[in-house]
Amino acid sequence: EVQLVESGGGLVQAGGSLRLSCAASGFSFDDYAIAWFRQAPGKEREGVSYISTRDGKTHYADSVKGRFTISIDVAKKTTYLQMNSLKPEDTAIYYCALGGHYGATYYPEVLVDYWGGGTQVTVSS
């Protein structure tokens, strides 16, 4: 059974940093993508960033570019989202998701095969 478990969320002041982790398990294939999505109260879920193991390329939403960094430890099947210079508008539940390789800027939810349960990130002003 494929499982994705996020951790690292919490409460931080504006300008601070957090590092989210997504530990994946229950599969043996090595060609996949891990994406981070977020959903703020009253808003639709949006893609934040993703990384593909096929080519190692990373992609970011314009709203987080230059502040967030995604990385992956393939051996540990763990993906990280380093979030710096956090803003109150970054407050949301952050979800990691696993799907197939993709090459465009934004990872479409239609490609997601598995979702994690989410971790809350709250940025105070």
N, C-alpha and C. Protein backbone atom coordinates (compact mmCIF):
# COMPACT_ATOMS: atom_id res chain seq x y z
N GLU A 1 0.85 -1.19 0.00
CA GLU A 1 0.00 0.00 0.00
C GLU A 1 0.89 1.25 0.00
N VAL A 2 0.65 2.10 -0.96
CA VAL A 2 1.43 3.34 -1.03
C VAL A 2 0.96 4.30 0.07
N GLN A 3 1.92 4.86 0.77
CA GLN A 3 1.61 5.84 1.81
C GLN A 3 2.52 7.04 1.66
N LEU A 4 1.94 8.20 1.90
CA LEU A 4 2.69 9.45 1.91
C LEU A 4 2.40 10.13 3.25
N VAL A 5 3.43 10.44 3.99
CA VAL A 5 3.25 11.05 5.31
C VAL A 5 4.04 12.35 5.36
N GLU A 6 3.31 13.44 5.54
CA GLU A 6 3.95 14.75 5.65
C GLU A 6 4.29 15.05 7.12
N SER A 7 5.30 15.86 7.31
CA SER A 7 5.66 16.34 8.63
C SER A 7 6.39 17.67 8.48
N GLY A 8 6.53 18.37 9.59
CA GLY A 8 7.31 19.61 9.59
C GLY A 8 6.49 20.88 9.62
N GLY A 9 5.18 20.76 9.55
CA GLY A 9 4.36 21.96 9.61
C GLY A 9 4.37 22.56 11.00
N GLY A 10 3.80 23.74 11.11
CA GLY A 10 3.74 24.40 12.41
C GLY A 10 3.41 25.86 12.28
N LEU A 11 3.63 26.57 13.37
CA LEU A 11 3.36 28.01 13.44
C LEU A 11 4.69 28.75 13.40
N VAL A 12 4.77 29.74 12.54
CA VAL A 12 6.01 30.50 12.39
C VAL A 12 5.65 31.95 12.11
N GLN A 13 6.51 32.85 12.52
CA GLN A 13 6.29 34.27 12.23
C GLN A 13 6.67 34.59 10.79
N ALA A 14 6.08 35.61 10.27
CA ALA A 14 6.41 36.06 8.92
C ALA A 14 7.92 36.31 8.81
N GLY A 15 8.48 35.87 7.71
CA GLY A 15 9.91 35.97 7.51
C GLY A 15 10.68 34.74 7.97
N GLY A 16 10.01 33.86 8.67
CA GLY A 16 10.65 32.66 9.18
C GLY A 16 10.70 31.55 8.15
N SER A 17 11.17 30.40 8.61
CA SER A 17 11.35 29.24 7.72
C SER A 17 10.77 27.98 8.34
N LEU A 18 10.39 27.08 7.47
CA LEU A 18 9.98 25.73 7.87
C LEU A 18 10.47 24.77 6.79
N ARG A 19 10.69 23.54 7.19
CA ARG A 19 11.02 22.50 6.21
C ARG A 19 10.01 21.37 6.36
N LEU A 20 9.27 21.17 5.29
CA LEU A 20 8.32 20.07 5.26
C LEU A 20 9.00 18.83 4.69
N SER A 21 8.57 17.68 5.18
CA SER A 21 9.06 16.40 4.67
C SER A 21 7.87 15.56 4.22
N CYS A 22 8.11 14.75 3.21
CA CYS A 22 7.10 13.82 2.73
C CYS A 22 7.78 12.47 2.58
N ALA A 23 7.44 11.56 3.47
CA ALA A 23 8.02 10.23 3.43
C ALA A 23 7.07 9.29 2.69
N ALA A 24 7.58 8.72 1.62
CA ALA A 24 6.78 7.81 0.79
C ALA A 24 7.20 6.37 1.04
N SER A 25 6.25 5.47 0.94
CA SER A 25 6.55 4.05 1.13
C SER A 25 5.51 3.21 0.40
N GLY A 26 5.83 1.92 0.28
CA GLY A 26 4.86 0.99 -0.29
C GLY A 26 4.91 0.82 -1.79
N PHE A 27 6.00 1.29 -2.42
CA PHE A 27 6.13 1.08 -3.86
C PHE A 27 7.60 0.88 -4.20
N SER A 28 7.83 0.26 -5.37
CA SER A 28 9.21 -0.05 -5.76
C SER A 28 9.65 0.64 -7.03
N PHE A 29 8.73 1.29 -7.75
CA PHE A 29 9.15 1.95 -8.98
C PHE A 29 9.97 3.18 -8.64
N ASP A 30 10.85 3.58 -9.58
CA ASP A 30 11.74 4.68 -9.30
C ASP A 30 11.58 5.85 -10.27
N ASP A 31 10.56 5.80 -11.08
CA ASP A 31 10.27 6.88 -12.01
C ASP A 31 8.93 7.50 -11.60
N TYR A 32 8.99 8.62 -10.91
CA TYR A 32 7.77 9.22 -10.42
C TYR A 32 8.02 10.70 -10.14
N ALA A 33 6.99 11.37 -9.81
CA ALA A 33 7.09 12.77 -9.42
C ALA A 33 6.40 12.95 -8.06
N ILE A 34 6.97 13.83 -7.26
CA ILE A 34 6.36 14.22 -6.00
C ILE A 34 6.03 15.70 -6.11
N ALA A 35 4.79 16.00 -5.83
CA ALA A 35 4.33 17.38 -5.89
C ALA A 35 3.83 17.83 -4.53
N TRP A 36 3.99 19.10 -4.27
CA TRP A 36 3.41 19.73 -3.08
C TRP A 36 2.28 20.65 -3.53
N PHE A 37 1.14 20.47 -2.88
CA PHE A 37 -0.02 21.33 -3.08
C PHE A 37 -0.34 21.99 -1.74
N ARG A 38 -1.13 23.03 -1.79
CA ARG A 38 -1.61 23.64 -0.55
C ARG A 38 -3.03 24.13 -0.74
N GLN A 39 -3.73 24.19 0.37
CA GLN A 39 -5.09 24.69 0.35
C GLN A 39 -5.32 25.58 1.55
N ALA A 40 -5.59 26.84 1.28
CA ALA A 40 -5.89 27.81 2.32
C ALA A 40 -7.39 27.80 2.59
N PRO A 41 -7.81 28.23 3.76
CA PRO A 41 -9.24 28.26 4.07
C PRO A 41 -10.02 29.06 3.04
N GLY A 42 -11.07 28.46 2.52
CA GLY A 42 -11.93 29.16 1.57
C GLY A 42 -11.38 29.26 0.17
N LYS A 43 -10.24 28.63 -0.07
CA LYS A 43 -9.63 28.71 -1.40
C LYS A 43 -9.47 27.32 -2.00
N GLU A 44 -9.28 27.30 -3.30
CA GLU A 44 -9.05 26.04 -3.97
C GLU A 44 -7.61 25.56 -3.73
N ARG A 45 -7.43 24.28 -3.83
CA ARG A 45 -6.08 23.73 -3.70
C ARG A 45 -5.24 24.17 -4.89
N GLU A 46 -3.99 24.49 -4.62
CA GLU A 46 -3.11 24.96 -5.69
C GLU A 46 -1.78 24.23 -5.63
N GLY A 47 -1.17 24.08 -6.78
CA GLY A 47 0.15 23.47 -6.84
C GLY A 47 1.21 24.44 -6.38
N VAL A 48 2.17 23.95 -5.62
CA VAL A 48 3.24 24.78 -5.10
C VAL A 48 4.57 24.47 -5.80
N SER A 49 4.87 23.18 -5.88
CA SER A 49 6.16 22.78 -6.44
C SER A 49 6.12 21.29 -6.73
N TYR A 50 6.99 20.84 -7.65
CA TYR A 50 7.13 19.41 -7.83
C TYR A 50 8.51 19.08 -8.37
N ILE A 51 8.87 17.83 -8.19
CA ILE A 51 10.15 17.33 -8.66
C ILE A 51 9.92 15.95 -9.28
N SER A 52 10.61 15.71 -10.37
CA SER A 52 10.49 14.43 -11.06
C SER A 52 11.80 13.66 -10.93
N THR A 53 11.71 12.38 -10.57
CA THR A 53 12.94 11.60 -10.42
C THR A 53 13.56 11.27 -11.77
N ARG A 54 12.78 11.33 -12.86
CA ARG A 54 13.33 10.97 -14.16
C ARG A 54 14.44 11.92 -14.58
N ASP A 55 14.23 13.20 -14.35
CA ASP A 55 15.23 14.16 -14.80
C ASP A 55 15.73 15.08 -13.68
N GLY A 56 15.12 14.95 -12.49
CA GLY A 56 15.55 15.77 -11.36
C GLY A 56 15.15 17.23 -11.44
N LYS A 57 14.36 17.57 -12.47
CA LYS A 57 14.00 18.97 -12.62
C LYS A 57 12.97 19.38 -11.58
N THR A 58 13.06 20.64 -11.18
CA THR A 58 12.15 21.18 -10.18
C THR A 58 11.30 22.28 -10.81
N HIS A 59 10.11 22.43 -10.28
CA HIS A 59 9.18 23.43 -10.80
C HIS A 59 8.52 24.12 -9.62
N TYR A 60 8.24 25.41 -9.79
CA TYR A 60 7.66 26.19 -8.70
C TYR A 60 6.56 27.10 -9.21
N ALA A 61 5.56 27.29 -8.37
CA ALA A 61 4.57 28.31 -8.66
C ALA A 61 5.23 29.67 -8.52
N ASP A 62 4.74 30.62 -9.28
CA ASP A 62 5.33 31.97 -9.24
C ASP A 62 5.29 32.55 -7.83
N SER A 63 4.26 32.21 -7.07
CA SER A 63 4.08 32.79 -5.74
C SER A 63 5.15 32.34 -4.74
N VAL A 64 5.86 31.25 -5.03
CA VAL A 64 6.85 30.75 -4.08
C VAL A 64 8.26 30.72 -4.68
N LYS A 65 8.37 31.04 -5.95
CA LYS A 65 9.66 30.98 -6.62
C LYS A 65 10.66 31.89 -5.92
N GLY A 66 11.84 31.36 -5.66
CA GLY A 66 12.86 32.14 -4.97
C GLY A 66 12.81 32.03 -3.46
N ARG A 67 11.72 31.50 -2.93
CA ARG A 67 11.57 31.34 -1.47
C ARG A 67 11.52 29.88 -1.05
N PHE A 68 10.94 29.03 -1.88
CA PHE A 68 10.80 27.62 -1.57
C PHE A 68 11.78 26.81 -2.42
N THR A 69 12.27 25.72 -1.84
CA THR A 69 13.15 24.81 -2.56
C THR A 69 12.70 23.38 -2.31
N ILE A 70 12.48 22.65 -3.38
CA ILE A 70 12.10 21.25 -3.27
C ILE A 70 13.32 20.38 -3.55
N SER A 71 13.42 19.29 -2.82
CA SER A 71 14.52 18.35 -3.05
C SER A 71 14.03 16.95 -2.70
N ILE A 72 14.79 15.97 -3.13
CA ILE A 72 14.37 14.59 -2.88
C ILE A 72 15.58 13.73 -2.56
N ASP A 73 15.39 12.85 -1.59
CA ASP A 73 16.36 11.80 -1.29
C ASP A 73 15.74 10.52 -1.83
N VAL A 74 16.17 10.14 -3.03
CA VAL A 74 15.52 9.02 -3.70
C VAL A 74 15.68 7.73 -2.90
N ALA A 75 16.84 7.54 -2.30
CA ALA A 75 17.08 6.31 -1.54
C ALA A 75 16.12 6.19 -0.36
N LYS A 76 15.80 7.33 0.25
CA LYS A 76 14.89 7.33 1.40
C LYS A 76 13.45 7.53 0.98
N LYS A 77 13.23 7.80 -0.30
CA LYS A 77 11.89 8.10 -0.81
C LYS A 77 11.27 9.24 0.00
N THR A 78 12.09 10.22 0.30
CA THR A 78 11.63 11.36 1.09
C THR A 78 11.87 12.64 0.32
N THR A 79 10.86 13.45 0.25
CA THR A 79 10.92 14.73 -0.44
C THR A 79 10.81 15.84 0.59
N TYR A 80 11.56 16.90 0.35
CA TYR A 80 11.59 18.02 1.28
C TYR A 80 11.13 19.29 0.57
N LEU A 81 10.48 20.14 1.33
CA LEU A 81 10.12 21.47 0.83
C LEU A 81 10.63 22.47 1.85
N GLN A 82 11.74 23.11 1.51
CA GLN A 82 12.31 24.15 2.35
C GLN A 82 11.60 25.45 2.04
N MET A 83 11.00 26.03 3.05
CA MET A 83 10.21 27.25 2.85
C MET A 83 10.85 28.38 3.65
N ASN A 84 11.36 29.37 2.95
CA ASN A 84 12.00 30.53 3.57
C ASN A 84 11.18 31.78 3.31
N SER A 85 11.47 32.81 4.07
CA SER A 85 10.78 34.11 3.89
C SER A 85 9.28 33.92 3.84
N LEU A 86 8.77 33.17 4.78
CA LEU A 86 7.34 32.85 4.77
C LEU A 86 6.49 34.09 4.98
N LYS A 87 5.34 34.07 4.33
CA LYS A 87 4.40 35.18 4.39
C LYS A 87 3.07 34.67 4.95
N PRO A 88 2.27 35.54 5.52
CA PRO A 88 0.96 35.10 6.02
C PRO A 88 0.12 34.41 4.95
N GLU A 89 0.29 34.82 3.69
CA GLU A 89 -0.49 34.19 2.62
C GLU A 89 -0.02 32.79 2.28
N ASP A 90 1.07 32.35 2.91
CA ASP A 90 1.51 30.96 2.74
C ASP A 90 0.76 30.03 3.68
N THR A 91 -0.03 30.59 4.59
CA THR A 91 -0.80 29.79 5.52
C THR A 91 -1.76 28.88 4.78
N ALA A 92 -1.66 27.58 5.05
CA ALA A 92 -2.48 26.60 4.35
C ALA A 92 -2.17 25.21 4.89
N ILE A 93 -2.98 24.26 4.48
CA ILE A 93 -2.62 22.85 4.69
C ILE A 93 -1.82 22.44 3.46
N TYR A 94 -0.66 21.88 3.71
CA TYR A 94 0.22 21.46 2.63
C TYR A 94 0.13 19.94 2.47
N TYR A 95 -0.07 19.52 1.23
CA TYR A 95 -0.20 18.11 0.90
C TYR A 95 0.92 17.70 -0.05
N CYS A 96 1.47 16.53 0.16
CA CYS A 96 2.34 15.99 -0.87
C CYS A 96 1.55 14.95 -1.66
N ALA A 97 1.97 14.76 -2.89
CA ALA A 97 1.24 13.89 -3.80
C ALA A 97 2.24 13.16 -4.70
N LEU A 98 1.90 11.95 -5.06
CA LEU A 98 2.76 11.14 -5.92
C LEU A 98 2.04 10.82 -7.22
N GLY A 99 2.76 10.96 -8.31
CA GLY A 99 2.20 10.65 -9.61
C GLY A 99 3.29 10.37 -10.62
N GLY A 100 2.92 10.34 -11.87
CA GLY A 100 3.88 10.05 -12.91
C GLY A 100 4.71 11.26 -13.31
N HIS A 101 5.71 10.99 -14.12
CA HIS A 101 6.58 12.06 -14.62
C HIS A 101 5.77 13.09 -15.40
N TYR A 102 6.18 14.33 -15.25
CA TYR A 102 5.54 15.41 -15.99
C TYR A 102 6.60 16.46 -16.25
N GLY A 103 6.39 17.27 -17.28
CA GLY A 103 7.45 18.19 -17.65
C GLY A 103 7.10 19.65 -17.69
N ALA A 104 5.82 19.99 -17.51
CA ALA A 104 5.44 21.40 -17.60
C ALA A 104 5.58 22.08 -16.24
N THR A 105 5.29 23.35 -16.20
CA THR A 105 5.52 24.13 -14.99
C THR A 105 4.64 23.71 -13.83
N TYR A 106 3.36 23.49 -14.11
CA TYR A 106 2.42 23.16 -13.04
C TYR A 106 2.00 21.70 -13.14
N TYR A 107 2.03 21.02 -12.00
CA TYR A 107 1.67 19.61 -11.96
C TYR A 107 0.16 19.49 -11.81
N PRO A 108 -0.52 18.91 -12.77
CA PRO A 108 -1.98 18.83 -12.71
C PRO A 108 -2.45 17.77 -11.73
N GLU A 109 -3.50 18.08 -11.00
CA GLU A 109 -4.02 17.13 -10.01
C GLU A 109 -4.50 15.85 -10.67
N VAL A 110 -4.85 15.90 -11.92
CA VAL A 110 -5.36 14.72 -12.61
C VAL A 110 -4.29 13.63 -12.71
N LEU A 111 -3.02 14.02 -12.59
CA LEU A 111 -1.94 13.04 -12.65
C LEU A 111 -1.60 12.42 -11.30
N VAL A 112 -2.19 12.96 -10.24
CA VAL A 112 -1.87 12.47 -8.90
C VAL A 112 -2.54 11.12 -8.67
N ASP A 113 -1.73 10.16 -8.25
CA ASP A 113 -2.24 8.83 -7.92
C ASP A 113 -2.47 8.65 -6.41
N TYR A 114 -1.63 9.33 -5.63
CA TYR A 114 -1.73 9.17 -4.18
C TYR A 114 -1.52 10.52 -3.51
N TRP A 115 -2.24 10.71 -2.41
CA TRP A 115 -2.15 11.94 -1.63
C TRP A 115 -1.74 11.62 -0.20
N GLY A 116 -1.00 12.55 0.39
CA GLY A 116 -0.74 12.48 1.81
C GLY A 116 -1.90 13.12 2.58
N GLY A 117 -1.85 13.02 3.89
CA GLY A 117 -2.93 13.55 4.71
C GLY A 117 -2.85 15.02 4.99
N GLY A 118 -1.69 15.63 4.71
CA GLY A 118 -1.55 17.08 4.88
C GLY A 118 -0.90 17.46 6.20
N THR A 119 -0.28 18.63 6.19
CA THR A 119 0.30 19.21 7.40
C THR A 119 0.01 20.71 7.40
N GLN A 120 -0.37 21.23 8.54
CA GLN A 120 -0.77 22.63 8.64
C GLN A 120 0.44 23.54 8.77
N VAL A 121 0.46 24.57 7.97
CA VAL A 121 1.46 25.63 8.07
C VAL A 121 0.72 26.93 8.36
N THR A 122 1.07 27.58 9.45
CA THR A 122 0.46 28.85 9.81
C THR A 122 1.55 29.90 9.97
N VAL A 123 1.42 30.99 9.23
CA VAL A 123 2.40 32.07 9.29
C VAL A 123 1.71 33.29 9.87
N SER A 124 2.20 33.75 11.01
CA SER A 124 1.61 34.89 11.68
C SER A 124 2.29 36.18 11.23
N SER A 125 1.51 37.25 11.21
CA SER A 125 2.07 38.55 10.76
C SER A 125 2.65 39.33 11.92
